[in-house]
Amino acid sequence: SGFWSMLEDRFDARTARKHLGRIVAASTFGGLVGGVVTQFVRSGLSVANMLPVLAGFHLISALITTTLSAGCKACRQRSPEPKRQQASGLTVLATVPYVRNLALLILASTLGAGLLDYVFKVRAAAAYTEGPELVRFFALFYTASGIATFLVQSMLSRVAVEKLGIAGTVGSLPLTLAFGSIGGMVFPGLPMAFTARGGEAVLRTSFFKSAYEMLYTAI
């Protein structure tokens, strides 16, 4: 939350459309690089010895974030706000329709994604009863969805926001959840669950994330 708030202080809404998609794509690419690094490092290190490697990546991220914060003109020029009593989060949800609708969007989409993920994993566990087979299946799924997400973010996220608008781009995720759920009822089985879960994973981290973060600019 702090990271995205810092970015929103750096960009106005129009400029954010150009840059947030690239930033989200970079995060996906970093995840792919992290997976490759893990494959190389884990062969010579135990799980406990992997923790210092992880800590090193966090330290690098902290240093880069500090540099970004130092270069944020809006952060430095912001005048101190007068002291006033802050409304509670529940009060804001009850009195501000925009925030309430935003919270409902996240609640519904997260609940739908959780249920879809459950069905997907149940189908996978039924199809692959052996542990190594199941591990290979999930490795294939997450690698394929990560690559697809990176390609969609890099090539289509900015175009989607410009053509469909923020609301239309955010709406791609609920539509995917709806069609995936209907498809799962019509064609029950692992292939449909794989397709629906993969589509949800790709769109959530590409279109939805790129456009959803812009909704916070108004707040």
Protein backbone atom coordinates (compact mmCIF):
# COMPACT_ATOMS: atom_id res chain seq x y z
CA SER A 1 0.00 0.00 0.00
CA GLY A 2 2.82 2.40 0.85
CA PHE A 3 4.64 1.59 -2.38
CA TRP A 4 1.62 2.33 -4.58
CA SER A 5 0.75 5.46 -2.57
CA MET A 6 4.27 6.73 -3.20
CA LEU A 7 3.90 6.11 -6.93
CA GLU A 8 0.53 7.85 -7.07
CA ASP A 9 2.14 10.92 -5.51
CA ARG A 10 4.64 10.98 -8.37
CA PHE A 11 2.14 10.81 -11.24
CA ASP A 12 -1.08 12.54 -12.17
CA ALA A 13 -3.89 10.33 -13.50
CA ARG A 14 -2.91 10.79 -17.16
CA THR A 15 0.77 10.06 -16.59
CA ALA A 16 -0.10 7.08 -14.41
CA ARG A 17 -1.79 5.41 -17.36
CA LYS A 18 1.54 5.36 -19.17
CA HIS A 19 3.69 4.06 -16.34
CA LEU A 20 1.70 1.84 -13.95
CA GLY A 21 1.27 -0.91 -16.54
CA ARG A 22 5.03 -1.06 -17.05
CA ILE A 23 5.64 -1.14 -13.31
CA VAL A 24 3.22 -4.04 -12.83
CA ALA A 25 4.90 -5.84 -15.75
CA ALA A 26 8.28 -5.35 -14.09
CA SER A 27 6.96 -6.96 -10.91
CA THR A 28 5.87 -10.03 -12.87
CA PHE A 29 9.24 -10.19 -14.63
CA GLY A 30 10.93 -10.00 -11.24
CA GLY A 31 8.87 -12.97 -10.09
CA LEU A 32 10.01 -14.98 -13.09
CA VAL A 33 13.64 -14.05 -12.45
CA GLY A 34 13.21 -14.99 -8.79
CA GLY A 35 11.89 -18.40 -9.80
CA VAL A 36 14.90 -19.01 -12.05
CA VAL A 37 17.32 -17.87 -9.33
CA THR A 38 15.63 -20.20 -6.86
CA GLN A 39 16.11 -23.18 -9.17
CA PHE A 40 19.85 -22.49 -9.35
CA VAL A 41 20.39 -21.62 -5.69
CA ARG A 42 18.23 -24.27 -4.02
CA SER A 43 20.34 -27.14 -5.40
CA GLY A 44 23.28 -26.04 -3.24
CA LEU A 45 21.50 -24.49 -0.26
CA SER A 46 18.99 -25.74 2.26
CA VAL A 47 15.67 -24.02 2.89
CA ALA A 48 17.07 -22.24 5.97
CA ASN A 49 20.08 -20.99 4.01
CA MET A 50 17.73 -19.54 1.39
CA LEU A 51 16.52 -16.96 3.93
CA PRO A 52 19.66 -14.76 3.69
CA VAL A 53 19.23 -14.75 -0.09
CA LEU A 54 15.65 -13.59 0.33
CA ALA A 55 16.76 -10.97 2.86
CA GLY A 56 19.29 -9.68 0.34
CA PHE A 57 16.58 -9.11 -2.27
CA HIS A 58 14.46 -7.28 0.31
CA LEU A 59 17.41 -5.07 1.22
CA ILE A 60 17.94 -4.15 -2.44
CA SER A 61 14.22 -3.35 -2.77
CA ALA A 62 14.34 -1.17 0.35
CA LEU A 63 17.30 0.82 -1.00
CA ILE A 64 15.62 1.36 -4.36
CA THR A 65 12.37 2.42 -2.67
CA THR A 66 14.28 4.94 -0.55
CA THR A 67 15.77 6.40 -3.74
CA LEU A 68 12.32 6.67 -5.32
CA SER A 69 10.94 8.40 -2.24
CA ALA A 70 13.80 10.90 -2.24
CA GLY A 71 13.02 11.83 -5.85
CA CYS A 72 9.31 12.35 -5.24
CA LYS A 73 8.74 16.11 -5.58
CA ALA A 74 5.09 15.87 -4.57
CA CYS A 75 6.09 14.08 -1.36
CA ARG A 76 8.59 16.81 -0.44
CA GLN A 77 6.38 19.75 -1.40
CA ARG A 78 3.26 18.55 0.36
CA SER A 79 2.35 21.02 3.08
CA PRO A 80 1.67 19.61 6.53
CA GLU A 81 -2.01 19.06 7.16
CA PRO A 82 -3.59 20.67 10.19
CA LYS A 83 -4.28 18.31 13.05
CA ARG A 84 -7.80 16.97 12.97
CA GLN A 85 -9.68 13.98 14.18
CA GLN A 86 -9.39 11.11 11.69
CA ALA A 87 -12.51 9.19 10.78
CA SER A 88 -12.39 5.44 11.32
CA GLY A 89 -12.25 3.08 8.37
CA LEU A 90 -15.77 1.82 9.11
CA THR A 91 -17.08 5.39 9.09
CA VAL A 92 -15.49 6.04 5.71
CA LEU A 93 -16.98 2.84 4.30
CA ALA A 94 -20.42 3.80 5.59
CA THR A 95 -20.40 7.40 4.37
CA VAL A 96 -18.30 7.47 1.17
CA PRO A 97 -19.94 5.50 -1.68
CA TYR A 98 -16.78 5.53 -3.81
CA VAL A 99 -14.70 3.83 -1.12
CA ARG A 100 -17.52 1.43 -0.30
CA ASN A 101 -17.88 0.35 -3.93
CA LEU A 102 -14.13 -0.08 -4.19
CA ALA A 103 -14.13 -2.31 -1.11
CA LEU A 104 -17.05 -4.38 -2.44
CA LEU A 105 -15.24 -4.83 -5.75
CA ILE A 106 -12.17 -6.21 -4.02
CA LEU A 107 -14.22 -8.37 -1.64
CA ALA A 108 -16.28 -9.95 -4.41
CA SER A 109 -13.40 -10.49 -6.83
CA THR A 110 -11.15 -11.95 -4.12
CA LEU A 111 -13.90 -14.28 -2.91
CA GLY A 112 -14.58 -15.44 -6.46
CA ALA A 113 -10.88 -16.01 -7.10
CA GLY A 114 -10.54 -18.01 -3.87
CA LEU A 115 -13.43 -20.31 -4.77
CA LEU A 116 -12.10 -20.76 -8.30
CA ASP A 117 -8.64 -21.58 -6.96
CA TYR A 118 -10.15 -24.17 -4.62
CA VAL A 119 -11.99 -25.90 -7.48
CA PHE A 120 -8.84 -25.82 -9.62
CA LYS A 121 -6.69 -27.45 -6.95
CA VAL A 122 -9.31 -30.09 -6.18
CA ARG A 123 -9.47 -31.00 -9.88
CA ALA A 124 -5.67 -31.13 -10.08
CA ALA A 125 -5.35 -33.30 -6.97
CA ALA A 126 -7.94 -35.72 -8.38
CA ALA A 127 -6.13 -35.95 -11.72
CA TYR A 128 -2.59 -36.28 -10.31
CA THR A 129 -2.52 -38.53 -7.28
CA GLU A 130 1.28 -38.80 -7.05
CA GLY A 131 3.15 -36.00 -5.28
CA PRO A 132 5.90 -35.43 -7.92
CA GLU A 133 3.32 -35.32 -10.72
CA LEU A 134 1.27 -32.74 -8.84
CA VAL A 135 4.36 -30.61 -8.20
CA ARG A 136 5.30 -30.68 -11.88
CA PHE A 137 1.75 -29.77 -12.88
CA PHE A 138 1.65 -26.72 -10.61
CA ALA A 139 5.15 -25.71 -11.71
CA LEU A 140 3.95 -25.78 -15.32
CA PHE A 141 0.82 -23.81 -14.46
CA TYR A 142 2.54 -21.02 -12.54
CA THR A 143 5.37 -20.72 -15.06
CA ALA A 144 2.96 -20.55 -18.00
CA SER A 145 0.66 -18.05 -16.27
CA GLY A 146 3.66 -15.92 -15.25
CA ILE A 147 4.96 -15.73 -18.82
CA ALA A 148 1.48 -15.01 -20.19
CA THR A 149 0.95 -12.29 -17.58
CA PHE A 150 4.24 -10.61 -18.47
CA LEU A 151 3.41 -10.62 -22.19
CA VAL A 152 -0.11 -9.25 -21.62
CA GLN A 153 1.17 -6.54 -19.28
CA SER A 154 3.95 -5.49 -21.64
CA MET A 155 1.92 -5.38 -24.84
CA LEU A 156 -1.75 -4.87 -23.96
CA SER A 157 -2.24 -3.25 -20.52
CA ARG A 158 -1.67 0.33 -21.67
CA VAL A 159 -3.75 -0.20 -24.80
CA ALA A 160 -6.59 -1.68 -22.74
CA VAL A 161 -6.68 1.30 -20.37
CA GLU A 162 -6.64 3.77 -23.26
CA LYS A 163 -9.33 1.96 -25.28
CA LEU A 164 -11.59 0.55 -22.57
CA GLY A 165 -11.00 3.13 -19.86
CA ILE A 166 -10.24 2.36 -16.24
CA ALA A 167 -13.68 0.89 -15.45
CA GLY A 168 -13.72 -1.30 -18.55
CA THR A 169 -10.23 -2.63 -17.85
CA VAL A 170 -11.05 -3.38 -14.22
CA GLY A 171 -14.25 -5.10 -15.35
CA SER A 172 -12.26 -7.65 -17.35
CA LEU A 173 -11.54 -9.61 -14.17
CA PRO A 174 -15.16 -10.04 -12.96
CA LEU A 175 -16.17 -11.03 -16.50
CA THR A 176 -13.42 -13.65 -16.59
CA LEU A 177 -14.54 -15.02 -13.23
CA ALA A 178 -18.15 -15.18 -14.40
CA PHE A 179 -17.45 -16.91 -17.72
CA GLY A 180 -14.93 -19.24 -16.08
CA SER A 181 -17.47 -20.28 -13.45
CA ILE A 182 -20.18 -20.90 -16.05
CA GLY A 183 -17.72 -22.85 -18.18
CA GLY A 184 -16.79 -24.97 -15.17
CA MET A 185 -20.43 -25.94 -14.68
CA VAL A 186 -20.99 -26.74 -18.35
CA PHE A 187 -17.64 -28.53 -18.84
CA PRO A 188 -16.55 -29.87 -15.45
CA GLY A 189 -13.00 -31.14 -15.31
CA LEU A 190 -9.38 -30.09 -15.05
CA PRO A 191 -8.96 -28.54 -18.54
CA MET A 192 -11.72 -26.00 -17.95
CA ALA A 193 -10.56 -25.32 -14.40
CA PHE A 194 -7.01 -24.82 -15.70
CA THR A 195 -8.24 -22.34 -18.33
CA ALA A 196 -10.47 -20.41 -15.94
CA ARG A 197 -7.86 -20.18 -13.18
CA GLY A 198 -5.13 -19.25 -15.64
CA GLY A 199 -7.26 -16.52 -17.19
CA GLU A 200 -8.08 -15.12 -13.76
CA ALA A 201 -4.42 -15.14 -12.70
CA VAL A 202 -3.27 -13.42 -15.89
CA LEU A 203 -5.94 -10.70 -15.92
CA ARG A 204 -5.74 -10.00 -12.17
CA THR A 205 -2.02 -9.22 -12.33
CA SER A 206 -2.14 -7.42 -15.68
CA PHE A 207 -5.29 -5.53 -16.70
CA PHE A 208 -6.97 -5.44 -13.29
CA LYS A 209 -3.88 -4.42 -11.30
CA SER A 210 -2.79 -1.77 -13.80
CA ALA A 211 -6.21 -0.07 -13.84
CA TYR A 212 -7.29 -0.73 -10.26
CA GLU A 213 -4.34 1.15 -8.76
CA MET A 214 -5.45 4.26 -10.66
CA LEU A 215 -8.75 4.26 -8.77
CA TYR A 216 -6.82 5.21 -5.63
CA THR A 217 -5.64 8.46 -7.24
CA ALA A 218 -9.06 9.97 -6.53
CA ILE A 219 -8.74 9.03 -2.87
